PDB file of N, CA and C in Angstrom:
ATOM      1  N   MET A   1      26.404  15.320  -1.294  1.00  0.00           N
ATOM      2  CA  MET A   1      26.654  14.339  -0.308  1.00  0.00           C
ATOM      3  C   MET A   1      25.583  13.101  -0.575  1.00  0.00           C
ATOM      4  N   ILE A   2      26.173  11.803  -0.379  1.00  0.00           N
ATOM      5  CA  ILE A   2      25.593  10.688  -0.552  1.00  0.00           C
ATOM      6  C   ILE A   2      25.736   9.799   0.811  1.00  0.00           C
ATOM      7  N   ASP A   3      24.547   9.476   1.237  1.00  0.00           N
ATOM      8  CA  ASP A   3      24.591   8.722   2.479  1.00  0.00           C
ATOM      9  C   ASP A   3      23.691   7.344   1.991  1.00  0.00           C
ATOM     10  N   ILE A   4      24.357   6.085   2.506  1.00  0.00           N
ATOM     11  CA  ILE A   4      23.890   4.909   2.258  1.00  0.00           C
ATOM     12  C   ILE A   4      23.345   4.392   3.413  1.00  0.00           C
ATOM     13  N   VAL A   5      21.968   4.018   3.351  1.00  0.00           N
ATOM     14  CA  VAL A   5      21.335   3.585   4.248  1.00  0.00           C
ATOM     15  C   VAL A   5      20.829   1.785   3.927  1.00  0.00           C
ATOM     16  N   GLN A   6      21.408   0.932   4.554  1.00  0.00           N
ATOM     17  CA  GLN A   6      20.916  -0.364   4.107  1.00  0.00           C
ATOM     18  C   GLN A   6      20.792  -1.157   5.529  1.00  0.00           C
ATOM     19  N   GLY A   7      20.035  -2.207   5.410  1.00  0.00           N
ATOM     20  CA  GLY A   7      19.675  -3.325   6.522  1.00  0.00           C
ATOM     21  C   GLY A   7      19.903  -4.607   6.004  1.00  0.00           C
ATOM     22  N   ASN A   8      19.357  -5.683   6.578  1.00  0.00           N
ATOM     23  CA  ASN A   8      19.409  -7.085   6.222  1.00  0.00           C
ATOM     24  C   ASN A   8      17.987  -7.596   6.051  1.00  0.00           C
ATOM     25  N   ALA A   9      17.906  -8.940   5.794  1.00  0.00           N
ATOM     26  CA  ALA A   9      16.874  -9.377   5.343  1.00  0.00           C
ATOM     27  C   ALA A   9      15.670  -9.055   6.654  1.00  0.00           C
ATOM     28  N   ALA A  10      16.227  -8.968   7.850  1.00  0.00           N
ATOM     29  CA  ALA A  10      15.273  -8.776   8.913  1.00  0.00           C
ATOM     30  C   ALA A  10      14.838  -7.279   9.012  1.00  0.00           C
ATOM     31  N   THR A  11      15.495  -6.546   8.244  1.00  0.00           N
ATOM     32  CA  THR A  11      15.064  -4.922   8.619  1.00  0.00           C
ATOM     33  C   THR A  11      14.090  -4.622   7.478  1.00  0.00           C
ATOM     34  N   PRO A  12      12.763  -4.013   8.179  1.00  0.00           N
ATOM     35  CA  PRO A  12      11.559  -3.549   7.402  1.00  0.00           C
ATOM     36  C   PRO A  12      12.014  -2.525   6.533  1.00  0.00           C
ATOM     37  N   ASP A  13      11.473  -2.582   5.240  1.00  0.00           N
ATOM     38  CA  ASP A  13      11.666  -1.514   4.269  1.00  0.00           C
ATOM     39  C   ASP A  13      11.279  -0.303   5.073  1.00  0.00           C
ATOM     40  N   LYS A  14      10.326  -0.017   5.867  1.00  0.00           N
ATOM     41  CA  LYS A  14       9.764   1.140   6.222  1.00  0.00           C
ATOM     42  C   LYS A  14      10.721   1.686   7.104  1.00  0.00           C
ATOM     43  N   LEU A  15      11.592   1.044   8.111  1.00  0.00           N
ATOM     44  CA  LEU A  15      12.342   1.492   8.952  1.00  0.00           C
ATOM     45  C   LEU A  15      13.680   2.119   7.939  1.00  0.00           C
ATOM     46  N   LEU A  16      14.097   1.463   6.926  1.00  0.00           N
ATOM     47  CA  LEU A  16      15.090   1.916   6.135  1.00  0.00           C
ATOM     48  C   LEU A  16      14.763   3.640   5.638  1.00  0.00           C
ATOM     49  N   THR A  17      13.610   3.360   5.024  1.00  0.00           N
ATOM     50  CA  THR A  17      12.786   4.646   4.340  1.00  0.00           C
ATOM     51  C   THR A  17      12.670   6.008   5.319  1.00  0.00           C
ATOM     52  N   GLU A  18      12.273   5.691   6.670  1.00  0.00           N
ATOM     53  CA  GLU A  18      12.145   6.307   7.659  1.00  0.00           C
ATOM     54  C   GLU A  18      13.524   7.007   8.060  1.00  0.00           C
ATOM     55  N   THR A  19      14.437   6.045   8.121  1.00  0.00           N
ATOM     56  CA  THR A  19      16.016   6.399   8.637  1.00  0.00           C
ATOM     57  C   THR A  19      16.564   7.310   7.642  1.00  0.00           C
ATOM     58  N   ALA A  20      16.468   6.960   6.294  1.00  0.00           N
ATOM     59  CA  ALA A  20      16.951   7.903   5.368  1.00  0.00           C
ATOM     60  C   ALA A  20      16.397   9.175   5.211  1.00  0.00           C
ATOM     61  N   GLN A  21      14.834   9.373   5.452  1.00  0.00           N
ATOM     62  CA  GLN A  21      14.332  10.699   5.612  1.00  0.00           C
ATOM     63  C   GLN A  21      14.882  11.544   6.834  1.00  0.00           C
ATOM     64  N   LYS A  22      15.186  10.953   7.916  1.00  0.00           N
ATOM     65  CA  LYS A  22      15.496  11.526   8.918  1.00  0.00           C
ATOM     66  C   LYS A  22      16.872  12.194   8.849  1.00  0.00           C
ATOM     67  N   ILE A  23      17.665  11.344   7.973  1.00  0.00           N
ATOM     68  CA  ILE A  23      18.934  11.961   7.462  1.00  0.00           C
ATOM     69  C   ILE A  23      18.911  13.101   6.931  1.00  0.00           C
ATOM     70  N   ILE A  24      17.973  13.013   5.568  1.00  0.00           N
ATOM     71  CA  ILE A  24      17.853  14.307   4.950  1.00  0.00           C
ATOM     72  C   ILE A  24      17.098  15.197   5.629  1.00  0.00           C
ATOM     73  N   ASN A  25      16.169  15.031   6.590  1.00  0.00           N
ATOM     74  CA  ASN A  25      15.679  16.351   7.246  1.00  0.00           C
ATOM     75  C   ASN A  25      16.820  16.968   7.921  1.00  0.00           C
ATOM     76  N   THR A  26      17.646  16.297   8.691  1.00  0.00           N
ATOM     77  CA  THR A  26      18.724  17.025   9.530  1.00  0.00           C
ATOM     78  C   THR A  26      19.790  17.459   8.605  1.00  0.00           C
ATOM     79  N   THR A  27      20.219  16.803   7.636  1.00  0.00           N
ATOM     80  CA  THR A  27      21.115  17.424   6.539  1.00  0.00           C
ATOM     81  C   THR A  27      20.770  18.824   6.306  1.00  0.00           C
ATOM     82  N   THR A  28      19.564  18.774   5.664  1.00  0.00           N
ATOM     83  CA  THR A  28      19.128  20.091   4.881  1.00  0.00           C
ATOM     84  C   THR A  28      18.724  21.044   5.975  1.00  0.00           C
ATOM     85  N   LYS A  29      18.388  20.924   7.203  1.00  0.00           N
ATOM     86  CA  LYS A  29      18.163  21.854   8.154  1.00  0.00           C
ATOM     87  C   LYS A  29      19.123  22.396   8.654  1.00  0.00           C
ATOM     88  N   TYR A  30      20.519  22.075   8.718  1.00  0.00           N
ATOM     89  CA  TYR A  30      21.630  22.387   8.989  1.00  0.00           C
ATOM     90  C   TYR A  30      22.523  22.863   7.973  1.00  0.00           C
ATOM     91  N   CYS A  31      22.458  22.370   6.603  1.00  0.00           N
ATOM     92  CA  CYS A  31      23.237  22.666   5.589  1.00  0.00           C
ATOM     93  C   CYS A  31      22.748  23.123   4.524  1.00  0.00           C
ATOM     94  N   GLY A  32      20.982  23.329   4.375  1.00  0.00           N
ATOM     95  CA  GLY A  32      20.469  23.610   3.212  1.00  0.00           C
ATOM     96  C   GLY A  32      20.320  22.698   2.080  1.00  0.00           C
ATOM     97  N   GLY A  33      19.727  22.882   1.085  1.00  0.00           N
ATOM     98  CA  GLY A  33      19.582  22.168  -0.147  1.00  0.00           C
ATOM     99  C   GLY A  33      18.402  21.213  -0.092  1.00  0.00           C
ATOM    100  N   THR A  34      18.469  20.243  -1.020  1.00  0.00           N
ATOM    101  CA  THR A  34      17.419  19.494  -0.911  1.00  0.00           C
ATOM    102  C   THR A  34      17.964  17.919  -0.898  1.00  0.00           C
ATOM    103  N   GLY A  35      17.045  17.086  -0.624  1.00  0.00           N
ATOM    104  CA  GLY A  35      17.517  15.550  -0.507  1.00  0.00           C
ATOM    105  C   GLY A  35      16.433  14.808  -1.127  1.00  0.00           C
ATOM    106  N   HIS A  36      16.857  13.393  -1.750  1.00  0.00           N
ATOM    107  CA  HIS A  36      16.035  12.805  -2.235  1.00  0.00           C
ATOM    108  C   HIS A  36      16.399  11.304  -1.928  1.00  0.00           C
ATOM    109  N   ILE A  37      15.309  10.225  -1.899  1.00  0.00           N
ATOM    110  CA  ILE A  37      15.454   9.023  -1.697  1.00  0.00           C
ATOM    111  C   ILE A  37      15.411   8.158  -2.821  1.00  0.00           C
ATOM    112  N   VAL A  38      16.630   7.756  -3.077  1.00  0.00           N
ATOM    113  CA  VAL A  38      16.974   6.803  -4.306  1.00  0.00           C
ATOM    114  C   VAL A  38      16.907   5.429  -4.128  1.00  0.00           C
ATOM    115  N   VAL A  39      15.743   4.264  -4.713  1.00  0.00           N
ATOM    116  CA  VAL A  39      15.909   3.070  -4.344  1.00  0.00           C
ATOM    117  C   VAL A  39      16.161   2.414  -5.682  1.00  0.00           C
ATOM    118  N   PRO A  40      17.285   1.773  -5.633  1.00  0.00           N
ATOM    119  CA  PRO A  40      17.715   1.036  -7.109  1.00  0.00           C
ATOM    120  C   PRO A  40      16.969  -0.276  -6.851  1.00  0.00           C
ATOM    121  N   GLU A  41      16.768  -0.744  -8.406  1.00  0.00           N
ATOM    122  CA  GLU A  41      16.280  -2.079  -8.639  1.00  0.00           C
ATOM    123  C   GLU A  41      17.185  -2.956  -8.207  1.00  0.00           C
ATOM    124  N   VAL A  42      17.040  -4.248  -7.601  1.00  0.00           N
ATOM    125  CA  VAL A  42      18.189  -5.015  -7.034  1.00  0.00           C
ATOM    126  C   VAL A  42      17.903  -6.471  -8.011  1.00  0.00           C
ATOM    127  N   ILE A  43      18.805  -6.892  -8.566  1.00  0.00           N
ATOM    128  CA  ILE A  43      18.812  -7.833  -9.501  1.00  0.00           C
ATOM    129  C   ILE A  43      19.925  -9.188  -8.908  1.00  0.00           C
ATOM    130  N   PHE A  44      19.054 -10.168  -8.542  1.00  0.00           N
ATOM    131  CA  PHE A  44      19.965 -11.086  -8.115  1.00  0.00           C
ATOM    132  C   PHE A  44      20.099 -12.237  -9.081  1.00  0.00           C
TER     133      PHE A  44
END
C-alpha cells in the first residue's frame, strides 16, 4: 500500500511527518505489516 501525504509552502514538515506516521500506525494496527516514511529529494 502506498499513501502520499503532501502539503504546500505553508504546511510545516513536522505536520506532514506526524500525519504520515498516524496513517502508518492506523494501517498497521488493523492490517498488520510494517510502514516506512520515505522523503524523496526534490529537485527544482
